[in-house]
Amino acid sequence: AKRGGFWRKVGRKLGKGIRKIGKTIKSQLGKFRPRLQYRYQF
C-alpha cells in the first residue's frame, strides 16, 4: 500500500512537471510564431 501511494505521488509530480514544460513550450511558440499555438495545443 505504501509503495502505491509513493508512485501516485511521483506520478502526480511528473504530470505537473510535464504540464509546466508544455506551458513553457506553448508560451515560447506563442512569442515567436502565434500561428503555431493553434497547431500544437498542450
Protein backbone atom coordinates (compact mmCIF):
# COMPACT_ATOMS: atom_id res chain seq x y z
CA ALA A 1 0.00 0.00 0.00
CA LYS A 2 2.82 2.39 0.87
CA ARG A 3 4.52 1.75 -2.45
CA GLY A 4 1.33 2.54 -4.36
CA GLY A 5 0.99 5.87 -2.57
CA PHE A 6 4.61 6.69 -3.33
CA TRP A 7 4.18 6.01 -7.04
CA ARG A 8 0.96 8.01 -7.08
CA LYS A 9 2.86 10.99 -5.64
CA VAL A 10 5.65 10.56 -8.16
CA GLY A 11 3.14 10.33 -11.00
CA ARG A 12 1.43 13.50 -9.85
CA LYS A 13 4.76 15.34 -9.67
CA LEU A 14 5.71 14.11 -13.15
CA GLY A 15 2.31 15.16 -14.50
CA LYS A 16 2.73 18.65 -13.07
CA GLY A 17 6.24 18.90 -14.50
CA ILE A 18 5.09 17.78 -17.95
CA ARG A 19 2.26 20.30 -17.83
CA LYS A 20 4.69 23.06 -16.85
CA ILE A 21 7.03 22.13 -19.69
CA GLY A 22 4.10 22.14 -22.11
CA LYS A 23 3.04 25.58 -20.92
CA THR A 24 6.54 26.99 -21.31
CA ILE A 25 6.83 25.50 -24.81
CA LYS A 26 3.43 26.93 -25.71
CA SER A 27 4.39 30.38 -24.44
CA GLN A 28 7.71 30.21 -26.33
CA LEU A 29 5.88 29.22 -29.53
CA GLY A 30 3.35 31.98 -28.94
CA LYS A 31 6.11 34.55 -28.58
CA PHE A 32 7.87 33.63 -31.81
CA ARG A 33 5.09 32.26 -34.03
CA PRO A 34 1.50 32.85 -32.85
CA ARG A 35 0.22 30.60 -35.67
CA LEU A 36 1.92 27.54 -34.15
CA GLN A 37 -0.07 27.95 -30.93
CA TYR A 38 -3.20 26.62 -32.60
CA ARG A 39 -1.43 23.69 -34.23
CA TYR A 40 0.28 22.44 -31.06
CA GLN A 41 -2.09 22.50 -28.12
CA PHE A 42 -0.74 21.30 -24.76
